[in-house]
């Protein structure tokens, strides 16, 4: 059997109705990933640590480039040269540090990275000076008149389709997922992580690596709530429809409206709420 790098099996004591027994449980692995950047001219490369994020191992290259893209540090696949793990003499796990090499002579946009910052699995904006500091300008302007339209039943079916592909979640129950669907409801790709922002960075990193950007004809499905940082990252990738199983925050709704994004929340049990740009959703007539 192939070892799953995202899952750890541990012994536990299980108690049910005052009866205890020895058992085992599967946990979603959470480990730090240091992301560093090498840039400038070949004869005088600058190497800079950009971030440390707590993540679920797997698709680390996608996470790194997705993070750099959604932070506005890089803007296209053509800026990338190599992506490789770095050997750290003090680290027990040699796959917890990854370096992204940019093309020769390229200097990235580091105006939004005034200092190294630490992000936890529950907060994608820790270390930022203010909300204004993360309102990076997207490379892709979202067209408010975008003709993309989605039927309400197609939206209702998406969470079931996502769960069918949440491999690690089914084993651990401890991961967030982000998925891209076509306007016909076909799954394009799904990524999981203990951090919701990491899962989205992995997904956008995948899209960048496979030349799918901008994602203006795709639907983004979030397995949890819709927060400000997730809407901001989606806007960077040109996504015009975001559907979340959970609730949106007030700031997420404001930002979605600002970018012209259709934002849907509480997508479960054959119901959902449309918070912004309802023109992209084909719905039944209103009831009085």
C-alpha atoms as a PDB file:
ATOM      1  CA  UNK A   1       0.000   0.000   0.000  1.00  0.00           C
ATOM      2  CA  UNK A   2       1.254   3.480  -0.898  1.00  0.00           C
ATOM      3  CA  UNK A   3       1.728   5.664   2.156  1.00  0.00           C
ATOM      4  CA  UNK A   4      -0.555   8.697   2.120  1.00  0.00           C
ATOM      5  CA  UNK A   5       1.633  11.717   3.037  1.00  0.00           C
ATOM      6  CA  UNK A   6      -1.376  13.734   4.205  1.00  0.00           C
ATOM      7  CA  UNK A   7      -2.679  11.177   6.728  1.00  0.00           C
ATOM      8  CA  UNK A   8      -1.262   9.929  10.030  1.00  0.00           C
ATOM      9  CA  UNK A   9      -2.656   6.830  11.761  1.00  0.00           C
ATOM     10  CA  UNK A  10      -2.368   6.899  15.574  1.00  0.00           C
ATOM     11  CA  UNK A  11      -3.552   4.683  18.457  1.00  0.00           C
ATOM     12  CA  UNK A  12      -6.345   6.126  20.606  1.00  0.00           C
ATOM     13  CA  UNK A  13      -8.773   5.105  23.333  1.00  0.00           C
ATOM     14  CA  UNK A  14     -12.362   5.388  22.138  1.00  0.00           C
ATOM     15  CA  UNK A  15     -15.174   5.893  24.655  1.00  0.00           C
ATOM     16  CA  UNK A  16     -18.784   5.170  23.671  1.00  0.00           C
ATOM     17  CA  UNK A  17     -21.635   5.009  26.206  1.00  0.00           C
ATOM     18  CA  UNK A  18     -19.214   4.643  29.142  1.00  0.00           C
ATOM     19  CA  UNK A  19     -17.407   1.762  27.437  1.00  0.00           C
ATOM     20  CA  UNK A  20     -13.781   2.264  26.381  1.00  0.00           C
ATOM     21  CA  UNK A  21     -11.619   0.324  23.950  1.00  0.00           C
ATOM     22  CA  UNK A  22      -8.309   0.599  22.146  1.00  0.00           C
ATOM     23  CA  UNK A  23      -8.684   1.772  18.559  1.00  0.00           C
ATOM     24  CA  UNK A  24      -6.924   3.812  15.896  1.00  0.00           C
ATOM     25  CA  UNK A  25      -7.740   7.080  14.227  1.00  0.00           C
ATOM     26  CA  UNK A  26      -6.585   8.900  11.101  1.00  0.00           C
ATOM     27  CA  UNK A  27      -5.436  12.503  11.400  1.00  0.00           C
ATOM     28  CA  UNK A  28      -4.829  15.107   8.730  1.00  0.00           C
ATOM     29  CA  UNK A  29      -1.114  15.949   8.902  1.00  0.00           C
ATOM     30  CA  UNK A  30      -0.213  19.571   9.576  1.00  0.00           C
ATOM     31  CA  UNK A  31       3.403  20.666   9.045  1.00  0.00           C
ATOM     32  CA  UNK A  32       5.137  23.974   8.325  1.00  0.00           C
ATOM     33  CA  UNK A  33       6.227  24.867   4.803  1.00  0.00           C
ATOM     34  CA  UNK A  34       8.803  27.585   4.318  1.00  0.00           C
ATOM     35  CA  UNK A  35       8.465  29.332   0.958  1.00  0.00           C
ATOM     36  CA  UNK A  36      11.522  31.193  -0.318  1.00  0.00           C
ATOM     37  CA  UNK A  37      12.221  33.086  -3.510  1.00  0.00           C
ATOM     38  CA  UNK A  38      15.352  33.374  -5.662  1.00  0.00           C
ATOM     39  CA  UNK A  39      15.419  36.227  -8.163  1.00  0.00           C
ATOM     40  CA  UNK A  40      17.576  38.777  -9.957  1.00  0.00           C
ATOM     41  CA  UNK A  41      20.498  38.232 -12.284  1.00  0.00           C
ATOM     42  CA  UNK A  42      22.149  34.829 -12.432  1.00  0.00           C
ATOM     43  CA  UNK A  43      25.517  36.109 -11.228  1.00  0.00           C
ATOM     44  CA  UNK A  44      24.030  37.847  -8.186  1.00  0.00           C
ATOM     45  CA  UNK A  45      20.859  36.012  -7.183  1.00  0.00           C
ATOM     46  CA  UNK A  46      18.862  37.347  -4.256  1.00  0.00           C
ATOM     47  CA  UNK A  47      17.361  34.692  -1.996  1.00  0.00           C
ATOM     48  CA  UNK A  48      14.577  35.746   0.336  1.00  0.00           C
ATOM     49  CA  UNK A  49      12.320  33.850   2.731  1.00  0.00           C
ATOM     50  CA  UNK A  50       8.769  34.933   1.925  1.00  0.00           C
ATOM     51  CA  UNK A  51       6.464  32.955   4.221  1.00  0.00           C
ATOM     52  CA  UNK A  52       6.008  30.057   6.590  1.00  0.00           C
ATOM     53  CA  UNK A  53       2.565  28.488   6.434  1.00  0.00           C
ATOM     54  CA  UNK A  54       1.093  25.511   8.249  1.00  0.00           C
ATOM     55  CA  UNK A  55      -0.183  23.127   5.582  1.00  0.00           C
ATOM     56  CA  UNK A  56      -1.037  19.541   4.720  1.00  0.00           C
ATOM     57  CA  UNK A  57       1.906  18.042   2.759  1.00  0.00           C
ATOM     58  CA  UNK A  58       1.197  17.465  -0.913  1.00  0.00           C
ATOM     59  CA  UNK A  59       1.079  19.702  -3.988  1.00  0.00           C
ATOM     60  CA  UNK A  60       3.639  21.964  -2.302  1.00  0.00           C
ATOM     61  CA  UNK A  61       4.873  23.377  -5.612  1.00  0.00           C
ATOM     62  CA  UNK A  62       1.331  24.434  -6.479  1.00  0.00           C
ATOM     63  CA  UNK A  63       0.921  25.955  -3.026  1.00  0.00           C
ATOM     64  CA  UNK A  64       4.117  27.983  -3.400  1.00  0.00           C
ATOM     65  CA  UNK A  65       3.372  29.425  -6.839  1.00  0.00           C
ATOM     66  CA  UNK A  66      -0.306  29.880  -5.995  1.00  0.00           C
ATOM     67  CA  UNK A  67       0.665  31.837  -2.899  1.00  0.00           C
ATOM     68  CA  UNK A  68       3.120  34.006  -4.836  1.00  0.00           C
ATOM     69  CA  UNK A  69       0.489  34.670  -7.492  1.00  0.00           C
ATOM     70  CA  UNK A  70      -2.396  35.489  -5.168  1.00  0.00           C
ATOM     71  CA  UNK A  71      -0.114  37.768  -3.124  1.00  0.00           C
ATOM     72  CA  UNK A  72       0.715  39.690  -6.327  1.00  0.00           C
ATOM     73  CA  UNK A  73       4.424  38.776  -6.170  1.00  0.00           C
ATOM     74  CA  UNK A  74       4.353  37.050  -9.581  1.00  0.00           C
ATOM     75  CA  UNK A  75       1.834  37.510 -12.378  1.00  0.00           C
ATOM     76  CA  UNK A  76       2.378  34.646 -14.839  1.00  0.00           C
ATOM     77  CA  UNK A  77       3.823  31.177 -15.368  1.00  0.00           C
ATOM     78  CA  UNK A  78       6.502  32.623 -17.662  1.00  0.00           C
ATOM     79  CA  UNK A  79       8.177  34.247 -14.653  1.00  0.00           C
ATOM     80  CA  UNK A  80       8.985  30.838 -13.112  1.00  0.00           C
ATOM     81  CA  UNK A  81      12.240  28.957 -13.693  1.00  0.00           C
ATOM     82  CA  UNK A  82      12.404  26.084 -11.183  1.00  0.00           C
ATOM     83  CA  UNK A  83      10.669  24.923  -8.010  1.00  0.00           C
ATOM     84  CA  UNK A  84      12.546  22.611  -5.664  1.00  0.00           C
ATOM     85  CA  UNK A  85      12.707  21.497  -2.030  1.00  0.00           C
ATOM     86  CA  UNK A  86      15.637  22.922  -0.055  1.00  0.00           C
ATOM     87  CA  UNK A  87      17.751  20.815   2.291  1.00  0.00           C
ATOM     88  CA  UNK A  88      17.901  22.357   5.742  1.00  0.00           C
ATOM     89  CA  UNK A  89      20.557  20.845   8.059  1.00  0.00           C
ATOM     90  CA  UNK A  90      18.421  21.532  11.152  1.00  0.00           C
ATOM     91  CA  UNK A  91      15.180  20.105   9.740  1.00  0.00           C
ATOM     92  CA  UNK A  92      14.068  16.530  10.320  1.00  0.00           C
ATOM     93  CA  UNK A  93      11.730  16.677   7.321  1.00  0.00           C
ATOM     94  CA  UNK A  94      13.563  17.723   4.159  1.00  0.00           C
ATOM     95  CA  UNK A  95      10.330  18.512   2.327  1.00  0.00           C
ATOM     96  CA  UNK A  96       9.265  21.386   4.558  1.00  0.00           C
ATOM     97  CA  UNK A  97      11.213  24.083   2.722  1.00  0.00           C
ATOM     98  CA  UNK A  98      10.641  24.939  -0.929  1.00  0.00           C
ATOM     99  CA  UNK A  99      12.313  27.514  -3.138  1.00  0.00           C
ATOM    100  CA  UNK A 100      10.866  29.126  -6.233  1.00  0.00           C
ATOM    101  CA  UNK A 101      13.478  30.323  -8.733  1.00  0.00           C
ATOM    102  CA  UNK A 102      12.350  33.135 -11.004  1.00  0.00           C
ATOM    103  CA  UNK A 103      13.587  33.681 -14.539  1.00  0.00           C
ATOM    104  CA  UNK A 104      16.993  35.320 -14.977  1.00  0.00           C
ATOM    105  CA  UNK A 105      16.881  39.086 -14.577  1.00  0.00           C
ATOM    106  CA  UNK A 106      13.386  39.142 -13.117  1.00  0.00           C
ATOM    107  CA  UNK A 107      12.680  41.194  -9.999  1.00  0.00           C
ATOM    108  CA  UNK A 108       9.341  40.350  -8.310  1.00  0.00           C
ATOM    109  CA  UNK A 109       6.781  42.733  -6.866  1.00  0.00           C
ATOM    110  CA  UNK A 110       7.652  42.633  -3.187  1.00  0.00           C
ATOM    111  CA  UNK A 111       5.981  45.871  -2.147  1.00  0.00           C
ATOM    112  CA  UNK A 112       3.316  43.888  -0.271  1.00  0.00           C
ATOM    113  CA  UNK A 113       5.869  41.764   1.581  1.00  0.00           C
ATOM    114  CA  UNK A 114       7.475  44.277   3.906  1.00  0.00           C
ATOM    115  CA  UNK A 115       8.594  41.551   6.273  1.00  0.00           C
ATOM    116  CA  UNK A 116       8.393  37.813   6.603  1.00  0.00           C
ATOM    117  CA  UNK A 117       5.020  36.865   8.014  1.00  0.00           C
ATOM    118  CA  UNK A 118       3.626  33.787   9.645  1.00  0.00           C
ATOM    119  CA  UNK A 119       0.289  32.352   8.552  1.00  0.00           C
ATOM    120  CA  UNK A 120      -1.605  29.750  10.534  1.00  0.00           C
ATOM    121  CA  UNK A 121      -3.991  27.159   9.177  1.00  0.00           C
ATOM    122  CA  UNK A 122      -6.957  29.277  10.261  1.00  0.00           C
ATOM    123  CA  UNK A 123      -5.857  32.756   9.199  1.00  0.00           C
ATOM    124  CA  UNK A 124      -4.591  33.678   5.760  1.00  0.00           C
ATOM    125  CA  UNK A 125      -3.708  37.294   6.551  1.00  0.00           C
ATOM    126  CA  UNK A 126      -1.674  37.122   9.767  1.00  0.00           C
ATOM    127  CA  UNK A 127       1.264  39.525   9.706  1.00  0.00           C
ATOM    128  CA  UNK A 128      -0.379  41.998   7.344  1.00  0.00           C
ATOM    129  CA  UNK A 129      -0.360  45.581   8.498  1.00  0.00           C
ATOM    130  CA  UNK A 130      -3.946  46.284   7.492  1.00  0.00           C
ATOM    131  CA  UNK A 131      -6.778  45.133   5.289  1.00  0.00           C
ATOM    132  CA  UNK A 132      -5.703  47.674   2.681  1.00  0.00           C
ATOM    133  CA  UNK A 133      -2.314  45.963   2.420  1.00  0.00           C
ATOM    134  CA  UNK A 134      -3.865  42.808   0.953  1.00  0.00           C
ATOM    135  CA  UNK A 135      -6.110  44.500  -1.591  1.00  0.00           C
ATOM    136  CA  UNK A 136      -3.663  43.647  -4.366  1.00  0.00           C
ATOM    137  CA  UNK A 137      -4.772  44.447  -7.881  1.00  0.00           C
ATOM    138  CA  UNK A 138      -5.754  41.420  -9.931  1.00  0.00           C
ATOM    139  CA  UNK A 139      -4.041  40.727 -13.233  1.00  0.00           C
ATOM    140  CA  UNK A 140      -7.475  39.831 -14.582  1.00  0.00           C
ATOM    141  CA  UNK A 141     -10.321  42.301 -14.443  1.00  0.00           C
ATOM    142  CA  UNK A 142     -13.639  40.591 -13.765  1.00  0.00           C
ATOM    143  CA  UNK A 143     -16.294  41.675 -16.243  1.00  0.00           C
ATOM    144  CA  UNK A 144     -19.519  42.559 -14.449  1.00  0.00           C
ATOM    145  CA  UNK A 145     -21.337  41.829 -17.714  1.00  0.00           C
ATOM    146  CA  UNK A 146     -19.773  38.361 -17.944  1.00  0.00           C
ATOM    147  CA  UNK A 147     -22.260  36.128 -19.773  1.00  0.00           C
ATOM    148  CA  UNK A 148     -21.387  33.120 -17.614  1.00  0.00           C
ATOM    149  CA  UNK A 149     -24.661  31.773 -16.233  1.00  0.00           C
ATOM    150  CA  UNK A 150     -25.338  28.782 -14.002  1.00  0.00           C
ATOM    151  CA  UNK A 151     -28.611  27.011 -13.283  1.00  0.00           C
ATOM    152  CA  UNK A 152     -29.669  26.716  -9.636  1.00  0.00           C
ATOM    153  CA  UNK A 153     -29.900  22.909  -9.767  1.00  0.00           C
ATOM    154  CA  UNK A 154     -26.345  22.647 -11.060  1.00  0.00           C
ATOM    155  CA  UNK A 155     -25.181  24.654  -8.034  1.00  0.00           C
ATOM    156  CA  UNK A 156     -27.177  22.483  -5.642  1.00  0.00           C
ATOM    157  CA  UNK A 157     -25.473  19.362  -7.028  1.00  0.00           C
ATOM    158  CA  UNK A 158     -21.911  20.663  -6.618  1.00  0.00           C
ATOM    159  CA  UNK A 159     -21.309  19.851  -2.905  1.00  0.00           C
ATOM    160  CA  UNK A 160     -22.187  16.180  -3.509  1.00  0.00           C
ATOM    161  CA  UNK A 161     -19.753  16.056  -6.431  1.00  0.00           C
ATOM    162  CA  UNK A 162     -17.049  17.649  -4.295  1.00  0.00           C
ATOM    163  CA  UNK A 163     -17.463  15.180  -1.423  1.00  0.00           C
ATOM    164  CA  UNK A 164     -17.040  12.293  -3.857  1.00  0.00           C
ATOM    165  CA  UNK A 165     -13.506  13.575  -4.554  1.00  0.00           C
ATOM    166  CA  UNK A 166     -12.424  14.583  -1.026  1.00  0.00           C
ATOM    167  CA  UNK A 167     -10.147  11.611  -0.514  1.00  0.00           C
ATOM    168  CA  UNK A 168      -8.311  12.797   2.602  1.00  0.00           C
ATOM    169  CA  UNK A 169     -11.398  14.356   4.206  1.00  0.00           C
ATOM    170  CA  UNK A 170     -13.223  11.037   4.035  1.00  0.00           C
ATOM    171  CA  UNK A 171     -10.366   9.423   5.978  1.00  0.00           C
ATOM    172  CA  UNK A 172      -9.814  12.177   8.548  1.00  0.00           C
ATOM    173  CA  UNK A 173     -12.772  14.588   8.551  1.00  0.00           C
ATOM    174  CA  UNK A 174     -10.223  17.351   9.153  1.00  0.00           C
ATOM    175  CA  UNK A 175      -9.565  19.156   5.885  1.00  0.00           C
ATOM    176  CA  UNK A 176     -10.890  22.057   3.889  1.00  0.00           C
ATOM    177  CA  UNK A 177     -11.384  21.660   0.159  1.00  0.00           C
ATOM    178  CA  UNK A 178     -11.581  23.973  -2.825  1.00  0.00           C
ATOM    179  CA  UNK A 179     -12.761  22.792  -6.218  1.00  0.00           C
ATOM    180  CA  UNK A 180     -13.054  24.225  -9.698  1.00  0.00           C
ATOM    181  CA  UNK A 181     -16.035  23.248 -11.824  1.00  0.00           C
ATOM    182  CA  UNK A 182     -16.853  24.131 -15.409  1.00  0.00           C
ATOM    183  CA  UNK A 183     -20.043  26.042 -16.185  1.00  0.00           C
ATOM    184  CA  UNK A 184     -21.516  22.641 -17.143  1.00  0.00           C
ATOM    185  CA  UNK A 185     -20.768  21.308 -13.651  1.00  0.00           C
ATOM    186  CA  UNK A 186     -17.812  19.098 -14.599  1.00  0.00           C
ATOM    187  CA  UNK A 187     -15.051  18.861 -11.992  1.00  0.00           C
ATOM    188  CA  UNK A 188     -11.807  20.426 -13.214  1.00  0.00           C
ATOM    189  CA  UNK A 189      -9.671  19.938 -10.092  1.00  0.00           C
ATOM    190  CA  UNK A 190      -9.902  19.744  -6.308  1.00  0.00           C
ATOM    191  CA  UNK A 191      -7.303  20.445  -3.626  1.00  0.00           C
ATOM    192  CA  UNK A 192      -7.449  19.802   0.147  1.00  0.00           C
ATOM    193  CA  UNK A 193      -5.534  21.267   3.079  1.00  0.00           C
ATOM    194  CA  UNK A 194      -5.846  21.969   6.799  1.00  0.00           C
ATOM    195  CA  UNK A 195      -5.797  25.644   5.828  1.00  0.00           C
ATOM    196  CA  UNK A 196      -8.630  26.902   3.624  1.00  0.00           C
ATOM    197  CA  UNK A 197      -6.364  29.564   2.120  1.00  0.00           C
ATOM    198  CA  UNK A 198      -3.699  26.921   1.391  1.00  0.00           C
ATOM    199  CA  UNK A 199      -6.239  24.729  -0.410  1.00  0.00           C
ATOM    200  CA  UNK A 200      -7.158  27.659  -2.649  1.00  0.00           C
ATOM    201  CA  UNK A 201      -3.524  28.595  -3.269  1.00  0.00           C
ATOM    202  CA  UNK A 202      -2.862  24.990  -4.340  1.00  0.00           C
ATOM    203  CA  UNK A 203      -5.839  25.109  -6.681  1.00  0.00           C
ATOM    204  CA  UNK A 204      -4.812  28.426  -8.225  1.00  0.00           C
ATOM    205  CA  UNK A 205      -1.219  27.200  -8.442  1.00  0.00           C
ATOM    206  CA  UNK A 206      -2.500  24.220 -10.406  1.00  0.00           C
ATOM    207  CA  UNK A 207      -4.421  26.548 -12.722  1.00  0.00           C
ATOM    208  CA  UNK A 208      -1.348  28.719 -13.271  1.00  0.00           C
ATOM    209  CA  UNK A 209       0.893  25.717 -13.996  1.00  0.00           C
ATOM    210  CA  UNK A 210      -1.595  24.303 -16.525  1.00  0.00           C
ATOM    211  CA  UNK A 211      -2.292  27.628 -18.286  1.00  0.00           C
ATOM    212  CA  UNK A 212      -5.936  27.806 -17.191  1.00  0.00           C
ATOM    213  CA  UNK A 213      -5.850  31.409 -15.980  1.00  0.00           C
ATOM    214  CA  UNK A 214      -7.980  33.472 -15.989  1.00  0.00           C
ATOM    215  CA  UNK A 215     -10.724  31.316 -14.474  1.00  0.00           C
ATOM    216  CA  UNK A 216     -13.577  33.534 -15.637  1.00  0.00           C
ATOM    217  CA  UNK A 217     -15.551  30.565 -17.002  1.00  0.00           C
ATOM    218  CA  UNK A 218     -15.187  28.427 -13.884  1.00  0.00           C
ATOM    219  CA  UNK A 219     -17.094  28.047 -10.617  1.00  0.00           C
ATOM    220  CA  UNK A 220     -15.122  27.965  -7.360  1.00  0.00           C
ATOM    221  CA  UNK A 221     -16.633  25.800  -4.611  1.00  0.00           C
ATOM    222  CA  UNK A 222     -15.456  26.180  -1.008  1.00  0.00           C
ATOM    223  CA  UNK A 223     -16.159  23.407   1.502  1.00  0.00           C
ATOM    224  CA  UNK A 224     -16.432  25.879   4.387  1.00  0.00           C
ATOM    225  CA  UNK A 225     -17.090  29.558   4.869  1.00  0.00           C
ATOM    226  CA  UNK A 226     -16.227  32.361   2.450  1.00  0.00           C
ATOM    227  CA  UNK A 227     -13.780  34.778   4.052  1.00  0.00           C
ATOM    228  CA  UNK A 228     -12.196  37.987   2.820  1.00  0.00           C
ATOM    229  CA  UNK A 229      -8.853  36.395   1.958  1.00  0.00           C
ATOM    230  CA  UNK A 230     -10.496  33.642  -0.116  1.00  0.00           C
ATOM    231  CA  UNK A 231     -12.497  36.144  -2.149  1.00  0.00           C
ATOM    232  CA  UNK A 232      -9.334  38.212  -2.642  1.00  0.00           C
ATOM    233  CA  UNK A 233      -7.392  35.182  -3.903  1.00  0.00           C
ATOM    234  CA  UNK A 234     -10.262  34.193  -6.206  1.00  0.00           C
ATOM    235  CA  UNK A 235     -10.360  37.721  -7.616  1.00  0.00           C
ATOM    236  CA  UNK A 236      -6.643  37.516  -8.408  1.00  0.00           C
ATOM    237  CA  UNK A 237      -7.382  34.452 -10.568  1.00  0.00           C
ATOM    238  CA  UNK A 238     -10.300  36.120 -12.364  1.00  0.00           C
ATOM    239  CA  UNK A 239     -12.966  33.876 -10.827  1.00  0.00           C
ATOM    240  CA  UNK A 240     -16.447  35.357 -11.242  1.00  0.00           C
ATOM    241  CA  UNK A 241     -18.594  32.823  -9.310  1.00  0.00           C
ATOM    242  CA  UNK A 242     -17.780  31.638  -5.770  1.00  0.00           C
ATOM    243  CA  UNK A 243     -20.064  29.188  -3.965  1.00  0.00           C
ATOM    244  CA  UNK A 244     -19.454  28.297  -0.323  1.00  0.00           C
ATOM    245  CA  UNK A 245     -21.037  25.559   1.759  1.00  0.00           C
ATOM    246  CA  UNK A 246     -20.727  27.816   4.794  1.00  0.00           C
ATOM    247  CA  UNK A 247     -21.419  31.448   5.565  1.00  0.00           C
ATOM    248  CA  UNK A 248     -19.711  34.460   4.024  1.00  0.00           C
ATOM    249  CA  UNK A 249     -18.292  37.209   6.184  1.00  0.00           C
ATOM    250  CA  UNK A 250     -19.457  40.800   5.813  1.00  0.00           C
ATOM    251  CA  UNK A 251     -16.095  41.823   4.379  1.00  0.00           C
ATOM    252  CA  UNK A 252     -16.180  38.946   1.887  1.00  0.00           C
ATOM    253  CA  UNK A 253     -19.535  40.209   0.602  1.00  0.00           C
ATOM    254  CA  UNK A 254     -18.209  43.765   0.326  1.00  0.00           C
ATOM    255  CA  UNK A 255     -15.128  42.648  -1.580  1.00  0.00           C
ATOM    256  CA  UNK A 256     -17.127  40.367  -3.900  1.00  0.00           C
ATOM    257  CA  UNK A 257     -19.382  43.272  -4.744  1.00  0.00           C
ATOM    258  CA  UNK A 258     -16.353  45.499  -5.325  1.00  0.00           C
ATOM    259  CA  UNK A 259     -14.801  43.007  -7.759  1.00  0.00           C
ATOM    260  CA  UNK A 260     -18.071  42.071  -9.482  1.00  0.00           C
ATOM    261  CA  UNK A 261     -18.002  38.486  -8.207  1.00  0.00           C
ATOM    262  CA  UNK A 262     -21.133  36.398  -7.724  1.00  0.00           C
ATOM    263  CA  UNK A 263     -20.951  35.167  -4.120  1.00  0.00           C
ATOM    264  CA  UNK A 264     -23.136  32.318  -2.867  1.00  0.00           C
ATOM    265  CA  UNK A 265     -23.294  31.014   0.702  1.00  0.00           C
ATOM    266  CA  UNK A 266     -24.965  28.213   2.674  1.00  0.00           C
ATOM    267  CA  UNK A 267     -24.967  25.965  -0.410  1.00  0.00           C
ATOM    268  CA  UNK A 268     -26.360  22.787   1.119  1.00  0.00           C
ATOM    269  CA  UNK A 269     -29.555  20.801   1.564  1.00  0.00           C
ATOM    270  CA  UNK A 270     -31.002  22.011  -1.764  1.00  0.00           C
ATOM    271  CA  UNK A 271     -30.780  25.673  -0.822  1.00  0.00           C
ATOM    272  CA  UNK A 272     -28.411  28.623  -1.035  1.00  0.00           C
ATOM    273  CA  UNK A 273     -28.221  32.405  -0.617  1.00  0.00           C
ATOM    274  CA  UNK A 274     -27.037  34.786  -3.342  1.00  0.00           C
ATOM    275  CA  UNK A 275     -25.246  37.785  -1.824  1.00  0.00           C
ATOM    276  CA  UNK A 276     -23.860  39.608  -4.872  1.00  0.00           C
ATOM    277  CA  UNK A 277     -24.215  39.692  -8.672  1.00  0.00           C
ATOM    278  CA  UNK A 278     -27.294  37.447  -8.867  1.00  0.00           C
ATOM    279  CA  UNK A 279     -27.525  37.991 -12.641  1.00  0.00           C
ATOM    280  CA  UNK A 280     -25.210  35.017 -13.263  1.00  0.00           C
ATOM    281  CA  UNK A 281     -27.540  32.525 -11.569  1.00  0.00           C
ATOM    282  CA  UNK A 282     -30.621  31.150 -13.336  1.00  0.00           C
ATOM    283  CA  UNK A 283     -33.243  30.789 -10.599  1.00  0.00           C
ATOM    284  CA  UNK A 284     -36.926  29.971 -10.357  1.00  0.00           C
ATOM    285  CA  UNK A 285     -39.412  32.877 -10.186  1.00  0.00           C
ATOM    286  CA  UNK A 286     -39.756  34.515  -6.780  1.00  0.00           C
ATOM    287  CA  UNK A 287     -42.579  33.420  -4.505  1.00  0.00           C
ATOM    288  CA  UNK A 288     -44.815  36.102  -2.947  1.00  0.00           C
END
